[in-house]
Amino acid sequence: MTSRPSSLYAARVPIFPRRVSGFYRRLKWQIMAVTLGIYYLTPWLRWDRGPDLPDQAVLVDLANRRFYFFMVEIWSHEFYFVAGLLVMAGIGLFLFTAALGRVWCGYACPQTVWTDLFILVERWIDGDRNARLRLHAAPWSARKWRLRLTKWTVWALIGLMTGGAWVFYFTDAPTLARDLAQFSAPPVAYATILVLTATTFVFGGFMREQVCIYMCPWPRIQGAMMDEGTLTVAYRDWRGEPRGKHRKTAAAESLGDCIDCSACVNVCPMGIDIRDGQQMACITCALCIDACDEVMARTGRDRGLIDYLALSDAPREAAGAAPRPARQHVLRPRNILYAALWAGIGVALVAMLFMRADLELTVAPERNPLFVTLSDGSIRNAYDLRLRNKTGTPVDFALSLGGETGLALSVEGAAQPVVTVPADTQALARIYVTAPPGSAPATHHRSALRIWAEAADGGARASVDTSFNGKEKS
């Protein structure tokens, strides 16, 4: 008789965090209000860029390959600005993790923010921790179905708002909202909202800590960013152990400050016990600090049994020395280097942003054929010219040739060498440069050539160096 192998799958045990109050809980509420407010309200902000440009303050215009952020406009060929911002975001994560542990995960990560919001809704409808535990263990009844359906409906509405807000960043928000209500929006908009609604509903309502532990790569990466000098949430075991209930007995004198009330465990959204030491699942949300401080205050003991501290300070504190000031852990060479790199990239991006010209000119010579011999013996070269006008008004650009070349320039389909470029767009034009018979450019195989474009008002001006292909004398 053979026994069946045991399953390697462990079903998720739901976590029902208890409500807690304190400094870090208030800080998390404030950060949640700010981040959700920014996410939901930003697409509705307006910014006047002129009559021919979109007035949405933040817009990712995929159709025209443009990104607008208030007064800043990023073109598709300027993606290095976006790349620079992504590099800054990565270095910023390294900096904050090296200094303060997983503060991003505990306070500002979208998974954390929406999970906090979903838990808040759950607490409003089902009650606090004990009530939710009883409801979870109770058999299905009319009351349980009513509470579950109410909670799931609110969660779905939050998910719908989340998905809807996301698509508003990619087109004019009021117009898309009207089209969505009239069921005339593009199918991709409905599909995106449906996917984001479902993922928000599932991740924030049911998977929660599993997303952080199993799906997110950051818990693994943080190990390389943190060291013993990093300030992170930890338990002062030398002060709390041995733990006990502190009954009025002689043995209670030998116990530490921890009364083993499990308040720190009951408030943890990840369901871990911080007293077991550093763990990958800990997101350093610091709610256990609030819970423990509350118990310490009630029992007449000093706060800080669980606190932000550096592991390198543990031996000193255990020996009775005072902890080092937080600034000594934050202002370390590695953190200063991260901050300098972050600031340097930011300054460079800002400088590049303000130094870029309102006019960009590119010229591509026609390669087949390199030149054409006209009936009078003149040699003509063709070029494809691209002009980008980054201002908010249409501009007439006059084209000319630099130096005393003896060459003539003309624009296909135009009486004068002038190209009109609409506001905040680009124009393509075919231009011709002609060399008289017997002139130096006509008889040389290749001559240097500079093409100028200047705004009619004398403002923006740009040039491109290229070459003129002539016919060598035999």
Protein backbone atom coordinates (compact mmCIF):
# COMPACT_ATOMS: atom_id res chain seq x y z
CA MET A 1 0.00 0.00 0.00
CA THR A 2 1.47 3.36 -1.04
CA SER A 3 0.54 6.68 0.50
CA ARG A 4 -0.30 9.67 -1.64
CA PRO A 5 2.37 12.36 -1.62
CA SER A 6 1.46 15.45 0.33
CA SER A 7 0.48 18.52 -1.68
CA LEU A 8 3.05 21.27 -2.07
CA TYR A 9 0.26 23.82 -2.41
CA ALA A 10 -0.74 25.80 0.66
CA ALA A 11 -4.03 27.63 0.49
CA ARG A 12 -3.94 31.30 1.41
CA VAL A 13 -4.98 32.10 4.96
CA PRO A 14 -6.82 35.46 4.84
CA ILE A 15 -5.31 38.25 6.91
CA PHE A 16 -7.61 40.61 8.77
CA PRO A 17 -5.53 43.48 10.17
CA ARG A 18 -6.84 45.23 13.27
CA ARG A 19 -7.46 48.96 13.23
CA VAL A 20 -4.69 50.99 14.83
CA SER A 21 -4.06 54.67 15.43
CA GLY A 22 -0.82 56.55 15.79
CA PHE A 23 1.75 58.67 13.97
CA TYR A 24 2.56 56.20 11.19
CA ARG A 25 -1.07 55.29 10.59
CA ARG A 26 -1.94 58.99 10.20
CA LEU A 27 1.05 59.43 7.90
CA LYS A 28 -0.15 56.55 5.72
CA TRP A 29 -3.67 58.04 5.54
CA GLN A 30 -2.20 61.37 4.44
CA ILE A 31 0.02 59.77 1.79
CA MET A 32 -2.90 57.68 0.55
CA ALA A 33 -5.12 60.77 0.23
CA VAL A 34 -2.41 62.69 -1.67
CA THR A 35 -1.43 59.87 -4.03
CA LEU A 36 -5.01 58.84 -4.84
CA GLY A 37 -5.97 62.49 -5.28
CA ILE A 38 -3.13 63.00 -7.74
CA TYR A 39 -3.99 59.83 -9.66
CA TYR A 40 -7.74 60.43 -9.96
CA LEU A 41 -7.78 64.22 -10.42
CA THR A 42 -4.74 64.94 -12.60
CA PRO A 43 -6.41 64.05 -15.96
CA TRP A 44 -9.05 66.72 -15.29
CA LEU A 45 -6.58 69.57 -14.80
CA ARG A 46 -6.42 72.05 -17.69
CA TRP A 47 -3.43 73.97 -19.09
CA ASP A 48 -3.75 76.59 -21.83
CA ARG A 49 -1.19 75.93 -24.58
CA GLY A 50 -2.88 77.89 -27.36
CA PRO A 51 -5.84 77.42 -29.68
CA ASP A 52 -4.42 74.54 -31.71
CA LEU A 53 -3.00 72.44 -28.87
CA PRO A 54 -4.60 70.13 -26.28
CA ASP A 55 -5.45 71.84 -23.00
CA GLN A 56 -5.12 68.78 -20.75
CA ALA A 57 -2.35 69.44 -18.22
CA VAL A 58 -0.96 65.88 -18.29
CA LEU A 59 -1.51 63.96 -21.51
CA VAL A 60 0.18 61.03 -23.23
CA ASP A 61 -0.80 61.74 -26.84
CA LEU A 62 0.04 58.46 -28.57
CA ALA A 63 -1.58 59.48 -31.86
CA ASN A 64 0.75 62.46 -32.26
CA ARG A 65 3.65 60.87 -30.36
CA ARG A 66 3.72 63.59 -27.77
CA PHE A 67 3.79 63.80 -23.96
CA TYR A 68 2.48 66.93 -22.26
CA PHE A 69 3.18 67.79 -18.63
CA PHE A 70 1.87 71.26 -17.83
CA MET A 71 4.33 73.65 -19.56
CA VAL A 72 6.64 70.82 -20.69
CA GLU A 73 6.19 69.03 -24.00
CA ILE A 74 8.22 65.92 -24.88
CA TRP A 75 8.37 64.76 -28.51
CA SER A 76 8.91 61.15 -29.50
CA HIS A 77 12.54 61.76 -30.53
CA GLU A 78 13.16 63.26 -27.08
CA PHE A 79 12.46 60.02 -25.24
CA TYR A 80 15.76 60.45 -23.42
CA PHE A 81 13.88 62.78 -21.04
CA VAL A 82 11.57 59.89 -20.10
CA ALA A 83 14.55 57.56 -19.84
CA GLY A 84 16.25 60.06 -17.53
CA LEU A 85 13.15 60.22 -15.31
CA LEU A 86 13.07 56.42 -15.12
CA VAL A 87 16.74 56.36 -14.12
CA MET A 88 16.01 58.99 -11.46
CA ALA A 89 13.12 56.86 -10.17
CA GLY A 90 15.41 53.83 -9.91
CA ILE A 91 18.16 55.74 -8.12
CA GLY A 92 15.54 57.29 -5.85
CA LEU A 93 14.33 53.82 -4.87
CA PHE A 94 17.92 52.77 -4.16
CA LEU A 95 18.48 55.90 -2.07
CA PHE A 96 15.37 55.55 0.08
CA THR A 97 15.86 51.81 0.51
CA ALA A 98 19.51 52.19 1.54
CA ALA A 99 18.58 54.93 4.02
CA LEU A 100 15.16 53.90 5.37
CA GLY A 101 14.42 50.39 4.14
CA ARG A 102 11.28 49.61 2.17
CA VAL A 103 9.55 52.94 2.73
CA TRP A 104 8.30 52.88 -0.86
CA CYS A 105 6.61 49.54 -0.27
CA GLY A 106 5.15 50.58 3.06
CA TYR A 107 3.81 54.01 2.16
CA ALA A 108 3.58 54.86 -1.55
CA CYS A 109 3.51 51.64 -3.62
CA PRO A 110 0.22 51.45 -5.57
CA GLN A 111 -0.38 47.92 -4.25
CA THR A 112 -0.04 49.20 -0.67
CA VAL A 113 -2.19 52.28 -1.28
CA TRP A 114 -5.07 50.41 -2.91
CA THR A 115 -4.85 47.55 -0.40
CA ASP A 116 -5.18 50.10 2.43
CA LEU A 117 -8.21 51.55 0.67
CA PHE A 118 -9.80 48.13 0.20
CA ILE A 119 -9.15 47.19 3.84
CA LEU A 120 -10.75 50.48 4.90
CA VAL A 121 -13.88 49.61 2.90
CA GLU A 122 -13.84 46.09 4.34
CA ARG A 123 -13.64 47.46 7.88
CA TRP A 124 -16.52 49.86 7.27
CA ILE A 125 -18.79 47.09 5.99
CA ASP A 126 -17.70 43.94 7.88
CA GLY A 127 -16.38 45.50 11.10
CA ASP A 128 -12.97 45.38 12.77
CA ARG A 129 -10.70 42.35 12.99
CA ASN A 130 -12.71 40.15 15.35
CA ALA A 131 -15.95 40.77 13.48
CA ARG A 132 -14.28 39.93 10.17
CA LEU A 133 -12.78 36.74 11.59
CA ARG A 134 -16.20 35.62 12.84
CA LEU A 135 -17.83 36.47 9.52
CA HIS A 136 -15.16 34.58 7.58
CA ALA A 137 -15.67 31.45 9.73
CA ALA A 138 -19.47 31.67 9.70
CA PRO A 139 -21.53 29.59 7.24
CA TRP A 140 -23.06 31.35 4.28
CA SER A 141 -26.28 33.12 5.22
CA ALA A 142 -28.40 35.97 3.93
CA ARG A 143 -26.45 38.43 6.11
CA LYS A 144 -23.07 37.13 4.93
CA TRP A 145 -24.14 37.29 1.29
CA ARG A 146 -25.43 40.85 1.80
CA LEU A 147 -22.16 42.02 3.37
CA ARG A 148 -20.03 40.24 0.81
CA LEU A 149 -21.96 41.59 -2.18
CA THR A 150 -21.92 45.11 -0.73
CA LYS A 151 -18.17 44.96 -0.17
CA TRP A 152 -17.44 43.46 -3.56
CA THR A 153 -19.61 46.10 -5.26
CA VAL A 154 -17.68 48.94 -3.61
CA TRP A 155 -14.40 47.24 -4.52
CA ALA A 156 -15.55 46.92 -8.14
CA LEU A 157 -16.49 50.61 -8.24
CA ILE A 158 -13.04 51.54 -6.94
CA GLY A 159 -11.50 49.30 -9.59
CA LEU A 160 -13.69 50.92 -12.24
CA MET A 161 -12.56 54.39 -11.14
CA THR A 162 -8.97 53.20 -11.23
CA GLY A 163 -9.19 51.81 -14.75
CA GLY A 164 -11.18 54.81 -15.95
CA ALA A 165 -8.67 57.28 -14.55
CA TRP A 166 -5.82 55.47 -16.31
CA VAL A 167 -7.31 55.77 -19.82
CA PHE A 168 -8.05 59.46 -19.21
CA TYR A 169 -4.30 60.11 -19.29
CA PHE A 170 -4.16 59.08 -22.97
CA THR A 171 -6.86 61.33 -24.45
CA ASP A 172 -8.97 64.33 -23.55
CA ALA A 173 -10.66 63.28 -20.30
CA PRO A 174 -14.03 65.10 -20.64
CA THR A 175 -14.45 63.96 -24.24
CA LEU A 176 -13.60 60.35 -23.43
CA ALA A 177 -15.88 60.37 -20.38
CA ARG A 178 -18.79 61.49 -22.56
CA ASP A 179 -17.98 58.86 -25.19
CA LEU A 180 -17.75 56.15 -22.55
CA ALA A 181 -21.14 57.11 -21.14
CA GLN A 182 -22.65 57.08 -24.65
CA PHE A 183 -20.95 53.75 -25.49
CA SER A 184 -19.20 55.35 -28.47
CA ALA A 185 -15.62 55.22 -27.15
CA PRO A 186 -13.01 53.06 -28.93
CA PRO A 187 -13.12 49.36 -27.97
CA VAL A 188 -9.54 49.54 -26.65
CA ALA A 189 -10.72 52.01 -23.99
CA TYR A 190 -13.38 49.61 -22.71
CA ALA A 191 -10.95 46.69 -22.82
CA THR A 192 -8.30 48.63 -20.85
CA ILE A 193 -10.80 49.72 -18.22
CA LEU A 194 -12.10 46.16 -17.89
CA VAL A 195 -8.60 44.70 -17.43
CA LEU A 196 -7.54 47.34 -14.88
CA THR A 197 -10.83 47.05 -13.00
CA ALA A 198 -10.37 43.28 -12.72
CA THR A 199 -6.72 43.48 -11.65
CA THR A 200 -7.41 46.19 -9.06
CA PHE A 201 -10.34 44.18 -7.70
CA VAL A 202 -8.35 40.96 -7.43
CA PHE A 203 -4.99 42.38 -6.29
CA GLY A 204 -6.42 44.80 -3.74
CA GLY A 205 -9.24 42.61 -2.52
CA PHE A 206 -8.02 39.02 -2.54
CA MET A 207 -4.30 38.69 -3.29
CA ARG A 208 -2.96 41.62 -1.23
CA GLU A 209 0.17 40.36 0.55
CA GLN A 210 0.66 37.64 -2.08
CA VAL A 211 1.39 40.30 -4.68
CA CYS A 212 4.17 41.67 -2.47
CA ILE A 213 5.64 38.29 -1.54
CA TYR A 214 5.33 36.27 -4.74
CA MET A 215 4.78 38.65 -7.67
CA CYS A 216 6.84 41.76 -6.91
CA PRO A 217 10.62 41.54 -7.53
CA TRP A 218 11.47 44.39 -5.15
CA PRO A 219 11.61 42.28 -1.94
CA ARG A 220 14.47 40.31 -3.51
CA ILE A 221 16.25 43.37 -4.88
CA GLN A 222 16.10 45.21 -1.57
CA GLY A 223 18.55 42.74 -0.05
CA ALA A 224 21.31 44.29 -2.16
CA MET A 225 20.27 47.82 -1.18
CA MET A 226 20.07 47.40 2.61
CA ASP A 227 22.83 46.77 5.12
CA GLU A 228 23.25 46.86 8.89
CA GLY A 229 23.33 50.65 8.85
CA THR A 230 19.92 50.99 7.18
CA LEU A 231 17.12 52.31 9.36
CA THR A 232 14.26 49.83 9.25
CA VAL A 233 11.43 48.57 11.43
CA ALA A 234 12.81 46.16 14.04
CA TYR A 235 12.14 44.71 17.49
CA ARG A 236 14.46 45.44 20.41
CA ASP A 237 14.67 41.88 21.64
CA TRP A 238 17.26 42.70 24.30
CA ARG A 239 14.64 44.87 25.92
CA GLY A 240 11.52 42.81 25.24
CA GLU A 241 12.75 39.28 25.98
CA PRO A 242 11.87 37.08 27.70
CA ARG A 243 8.31 38.02 26.90
CA GLY A 244 5.37 37.20 29.17
CA LYS A 245 2.01 38.35 30.45
CA HIS A 246 3.48 40.19 33.45
CA ARG A 247 1.22 38.81 36.11
CA LYS A 248 1.83 39.99 39.63
CA THR A 249 4.18 37.20 40.59
CA ALA A 250 7.80 37.03 41.61
CA ALA A 251 8.72 35.50 38.26
CA ALA A 252 7.42 38.56 36.43
CA GLU A 253 10.45 40.53 37.57
CA SER A 254 12.67 38.59 35.18
CA LEU A 255 10.48 39.25 32.14
CA GLY A 256 11.16 41.84 29.46
CA ASP A 257 8.91 44.67 28.34
CA CYS A 258 7.03 42.59 25.73
CA ILE A 259 3.79 41.33 27.29
CA ASP A 260 3.17 38.96 24.35
CA CYS A 261 -0.15 40.64 23.49
CA SER A 262 0.33 40.03 19.71
CA ALA A 263 -0.88 43.56 18.95
CA CYS A 264 1.99 43.96 16.47
CA VAL A 265 0.92 40.79 14.67
CA ASN A 266 -2.78 41.67 14.62
CA VAL A 267 -2.24 45.01 12.87
CA CYS A 268 0.26 43.72 10.28
CA PRO A 269 -1.20 43.70 6.73
CA MET A 270 1.35 41.01 5.80
CA GLY A 271 0.46 38.76 8.74
CA ILE A 272 4.04 38.46 10.04
CA ASP A 273 5.52 38.73 13.52
CA ILE A 274 8.20 41.43 13.54
CA ARG A 275 9.61 39.88 16.72
CA ASP A 276 10.92 37.00 14.60
CA GLY A 277 13.47 39.35 13.02
CA GLN A 278 13.90 40.76 9.52
CA GLN A 279 11.70 39.07 6.93
CA MET A 280 11.22 39.43 3.20
CA ALA A 281 7.47 39.87 3.68
CA CYS A 282 7.89 42.97 5.87
CA ILE A 283 7.06 46.13 3.93
CA THR A 284 8.07 48.44 6.84
CA CYS A 285 4.65 50.06 7.00
CA ALA A 286 5.40 50.75 10.72
CA LEU A 287 1.86 49.95 11.89
CA CYS A 288 3.40 47.54 14.39
CA ILE A 289 5.24 50.52 15.89
CA ASP A 290 1.95 52.33 16.49
CA ALA A 291 0.35 49.21 17.98
CA CYS A 292 3.29 48.49 20.30
CA ASP A 293 3.65 52.11 21.41
CA GLU A 294 -0.02 52.14 22.34
CA VAL A 295 0.45 49.03 24.52
CA MET A 296 3.62 50.40 26.09
CA ALA A 297 1.82 53.62 27.00
CA ARG A 298 -1.03 51.69 28.63
CA THR A 299 1.33 49.52 30.65
CA GLY A 300 3.54 52.42 31.76
CA ARG A 301 6.64 51.41 29.81
CA ASP A 302 8.83 53.40 27.44
CA ARG A 303 7.81 53.54 23.81
CA GLY A 304 10.12 52.24 21.09
CA LEU A 305 10.12 48.51 21.82
CA ILE A 306 9.42 48.23 18.10
CA ASP A 307 10.85 51.16 16.18
CA TYR A 308 12.89 52.33 13.22
CA LEU A 309 16.46 51.37 14.07
CA ALA A 310 19.67 50.15 12.48
CA LEU A 311 20.85 46.63 13.20
CA SER A 312 24.38 47.96 13.68
CA ASP A 313 23.13 49.81 16.76
CA ALA A 314 21.75 46.66 18.39
CA PRO A 315 24.94 45.65 20.27
CA ARG A 316 25.47 49.20 21.52
CA GLU A 317 21.90 49.57 22.73
CA ALA A 318 21.93 46.11 24.31
CA ALA A 319 24.99 47.20 26.28
CA GLY A 320 23.12 50.27 27.52
CA ALA A 321 24.45 52.92 25.13
CA ALA A 322 22.17 55.45 23.45
CA PRO A 323 21.27 54.86 19.78
CA ARG A 324 23.11 56.90 17.17
CA PRO A 325 21.21 59.87 15.69
CA ALA A 326 19.20 58.98 12.61
CA ARG A 327 21.17 61.45 10.50
CA GLN A 328 24.33 59.38 10.97
CA HIS A 329 22.60 56.44 9.30
CA VAL A 330 21.01 58.53 6.56
CA LEU A 331 24.06 60.69 5.70
CA ARG A 332 26.42 57.88 4.83
CA PRO A 333 28.80 57.92 1.82
CA ARG A 334 26.70 55.50 -0.22
CA ASN A 335 23.50 57.45 0.39
CA ILE A 336 25.25 60.74 -0.38
CA LEU A 337 26.50 59.22 -3.65
CA TYR A 338 22.97 58.10 -4.57
CA ALA A 339 21.63 61.57 -3.75
CA ALA A 340 24.36 63.26 -5.80
CA LEU A 341 23.67 61.02 -8.81
CA TRP A 342 19.94 61.61 -8.48
CA ALA A 343 20.35 65.38 -8.23
CA GLY A 344 22.92 65.46 -11.03
CA ILE A 345 20.62 63.68 -13.47
CA GLY A 346 17.75 65.95 -12.46
CA VAL A 347 19.79 69.11 -13.00
CA ALA A 348 21.02 67.83 -16.36
CA LEU A 349 17.47 67.07 -17.52
CA VAL A 350 16.23 70.49 -16.46
CA ALA A 351 19.17 72.18 -18.20
CA MET A 352 18.56 70.21 -21.40
CA LEU A 353 14.86 71.03 -21.21
CA PHE A 354 15.45 74.78 -21.11
CA MET A 355 18.33 74.72 -23.59
CA ARG A 356 16.49 72.93 -26.38
CA ALA A 357 15.57 75.08 -29.38
CA ASP A 358 12.04 75.91 -30.54
CA LEU A 359 13.08 74.90 -34.06
CA GLU A 360 14.63 71.64 -35.18
CA LEU A 361 15.87 71.09 -38.70
CA THR A 362 16.96 67.86 -40.36
CA VAL A 363 17.99 67.39 -43.99
CA ALA A 364 18.37 64.08 -45.86
CA PRO A 365 19.99 64.17 -49.35
CA GLU A 366 18.33 62.19 -52.10
CA ARG A 367 20.59 59.20 -52.84
CA ASN A 368 19.10 57.88 -56.04
CA PRO A 369 20.10 59.70 -58.15
CA LEU A 370 22.77 61.76 -56.41
CA PHE A 371 22.26 64.64 -58.87
CA VAL A 372 20.38 65.52 -62.04
CA THR A 373 21.83 67.36 -65.04
CA LEU A 374 19.32 69.91 -66.36
CA SER A 375 18.94 70.90 -70.02
CA ASP A 376 21.09 74.02 -69.57
CA GLY A 377 23.91 72.00 -68.00
CA SER A 378 23.10 72.97 -64.41
CA ILE A 379 23.52 70.34 -61.69
CA ARG A 380 20.62 69.90 -59.27
CA ASN A 381 20.53 68.01 -55.96
CA ALA A 382 17.32 67.10 -54.12
CA TYR A 383 16.91 67.01 -50.33
CA ASP A 384 14.10 65.97 -47.98
CA LEU A 385 13.79 68.62 -45.30
CA ARG A 386 11.97 68.23 -41.97
CA LEU A 387 11.14 71.23 -39.80
CA ARG A 388 9.78 70.94 -36.24
CA ASN A 389 8.00 73.96 -34.82
CA LYS A 390 7.77 73.64 -31.03
CA THR A 391 6.01 76.94 -30.46
CA GLY A 392 2.29 77.46 -29.98
CA THR A 393 1.82 79.51 -33.18
CA PRO A 394 2.33 78.82 -36.91
CA VAL A 395 5.69 80.03 -38.22
CA ASP A 396 6.95 80.81 -41.71
CA PHE A 397 10.54 79.63 -42.07
CA ALA A 398 12.73 81.16 -44.76
CA LEU A 399 15.34 78.80 -46.21
CA SER A 400 18.76 79.94 -47.39
CA LEU A 401 22.24 78.67 -48.11
CA GLY A 402 25.26 79.64 -46.05
CA GLY A 403 28.35 81.22 -47.58
CA GLU A 404 29.14 82.46 -51.09
CA THR A 405 28.36 79.24 -52.88
CA GLY A 406 26.73 80.56 -56.05
CA LEU A 407 24.05 77.95 -55.56
CA ALA A 408 20.30 78.51 -55.85
CA LEU A 409 17.71 77.02 -53.47
CA SER A 410 14.04 76.36 -54.24
CA VAL A 411 11.15 74.59 -52.55
CA GLU A 412 9.02 72.16 -54.53
CA GLY A 413 5.58 73.64 -55.16
CA ALA A 414 6.44 77.09 -53.76
CA ALA A 415 7.34 80.35 -55.49
CA GLN A 416 9.62 81.39 -52.64
CA PRO A 417 12.02 79.33 -50.46
CA VAL A 418 9.61 79.50 -47.51
CA VAL A 419 8.06 76.62 -45.53
CA THR A 420 5.06 77.22 -43.25
CA VAL A 421 4.94 74.95 -40.22
CA PRO A 422 1.75 74.83 -38.12
CA ALA A 423 1.91 75.26 -34.34
CA ASP A 424 3.52 72.46 -32.38
CA THR A 425 3.98 70.13 -35.31
CA GLN A 426 6.43 69.27 -38.06
CA ALA A 427 6.42 69.78 -41.80
CA LEU A 428 8.13 67.90 -44.62
CA ALA A 429 9.31 69.59 -47.79
CA ARG A 430 11.32 68.63 -50.88
CA ILE A 431 13.95 71.25 -51.67
CA TYR A 432 16.32 71.60 -54.64
CA VAL A 433 19.78 73.12 -54.72
CA THR A 434 21.09 74.00 -58.21
CA ALA A 435 24.65 74.80 -59.34
CA PRO A 436 25.18 76.83 -62.56
CA PRO A 437 27.09 75.13 -65.41
CA GLY A 438 30.84 75.24 -64.99
CA SER A 439 30.72 76.46 -61.36
CA ALA A 440 32.94 74.87 -58.73
CA PRO A 441 30.14 72.91 -56.99
CA ALA A 442 28.95 71.61 -60.37
CA THR A 443 32.37 70.34 -61.36
CA HIS A 444 33.52 68.97 -57.99
CA HIS A 445 32.50 65.53 -56.88
CA ARG A 446 31.37 66.75 -53.47
CA SER A 447 31.17 70.20 -51.88
CA ALA A 448 30.29 71.24 -48.33
CA LEU A 449 26.89 72.85 -47.99
CA ARG A 450 25.04 74.50 -45.12
CA ILE A 451 21.26 74.98 -45.20
CA TRP A 452 19.66 77.57 -42.93
CA ALA A 453 16.07 77.91 -41.71
CA GLU A 454 15.03 81.14 -39.97
CA ALA A 455 11.66 82.23 -38.62
CA ALA A 456 10.13 85.21 -40.36
CA ASP A 457 10.09 87.16 -37.10
CA GLY A 458 13.84 86.66 -36.76
CA GLY A 459 13.52 84.44 -33.70
CA ALA A 460 14.22 80.72 -34.09
CA ARG A 461 17.12 79.86 -36.39
CA ALA A 462 18.79 76.53 -37.19
CA SER A 463 21.24 75.11 -39.71
CA VAL A 464 22.32 71.72 -40.99
CA ASP A 465 25.59 70.83 -42.70
CA THR A 466 25.30 68.48 -45.66
CA SER A 467 27.00 68.09 -49.05
CA PHE A 468 26.32 68.96 -52.67
CA ASN A 469 27.14 66.32 -55.22
CA GLY A 470 28.55 67.59 -58.54
CA LYS A 471 29.84 66.05 -61.75
CA GLU A 472 33.61 65.71 -61.92
CA LYS A 473 35.31 66.95 -65.06
CA SER A 474 36.51 64.14 -67.26
